[in-house]
Protein backbone atom coordinates (compact mmCIF):
# COMPACT_ATOMS: atom_id res chain seq x y z
CA UNK A 1 -20.85 -5.11 -7.66
CA UNK A 2 -17.18 -5.67 -8.54
CA UNK A 3 -16.93 -2.15 -9.88
CA UNK A 4 -18.29 -0.69 -6.66
CA UNK A 5 -15.86 -2.76 -4.61
CA UNK A 6 -12.93 -1.56 -6.76
CA UNK A 7 -14.08 2.01 -6.30
CA UNK A 8 -14.17 1.68 -2.51
CA UNK A 9 -10.78 -0.01 -2.38
CA UNK A 10 -9.19 2.66 -4.58
CA UNK A 11 -10.77 5.41 -2.50
CA UNK A 12 -9.46 3.81 0.68
CA UNK A 13 -5.94 3.44 -0.75
CA UNK A 14 -5.87 7.03 -2.00
CA UNK A 15 -7.00 8.35 1.37
CA UNK A 16 -4.35 6.30 3.20
CA UNK A 17 -1.61 7.55 0.88
CA UNK A 18 -2.87 11.12 1.24
CA UNK A 19 -2.93 10.94 5.03
CA UNK A 20 0.57 9.49 5.24
CA UNK A 21 2.11 11.44 2.36
CA UNK A 22 4.77 13.15 4.48
CA UNK A 23 5.91 9.91 6.06
CA UNK A 24 6.14 8.35 2.60
CA UNK A 25 8.09 11.33 1.29
CA UNK A 26 10.51 11.18 4.22
CA UNK A 27 10.97 7.46 3.68
CA UNK A 28 11.72 8.06 -0.01
CA UNK A 29 14.17 10.91 0.62
CA UNK A 30 15.95 9.15 3.49
CA UNK A 31 18.14 7.04 1.24
CA UNK A 32 20.59 8.21 -1.42
CA UNK A 33 18.89 6.56 -4.40
CA UNK A 34 15.54 8.11 -3.52
CA UNK A 35 17.06 11.57 -3.19
CA UNK A 36 18.89 11.35 -6.49
CA UNK A 37 15.76 10.06 -8.23
CA UNK A 38 13.69 12.91 -6.75
CA UNK A 39 16.21 15.55 -7.82
CA UNK A 40 16.56 14.07 -11.28
CA UNK A 41 12.79 13.99 -11.68
CA UNK A 42 12.38 17.55 -10.37
CA UNK A 43 14.95 18.87 -12.83
CA UNK A 44 12.98 17.52 -15.77
CA UNK A 45 10.38 20.24 -15.16
CA UNK A 46 11.51 23.48 -16.84
CA UNK A 47 9.97 25.78 -14.20
CA UNK A 48 11.77 24.09 -11.30
CA UNK A 49 15.04 23.89 -13.23
CA UNK A 50 14.84 27.59 -14.14
CA UNK A 51 14.09 28.65 -10.57
CA UNK A 52 16.89 26.54 -9.12
CA UNK A 53 19.47 27.67 -11.67
CA UNK A 54 18.59 31.34 -11.18
CA UNK A 55 19.01 30.93 -7.41
CA UNK A 56 22.29 29.05 -7.71
CA UNK A 57 23.96 31.45 -10.15
CA UNK A 58 22.42 34.70 -8.91
CA UNK A 59 25.73 36.49 -8.27
């Protein structure tokens, strides 16, 4: 019974986060610390870093 309740609560939380994902992202990127954390995290992925660097230093 507890396991089923946990499953329903997790499903509810995931659906709420999914439905409001853009509001949460805007709230995170609104302040300076959130933006710097997002950029720092994005640059840890080699694909994103390679794409950004090739766009920045194209000429």
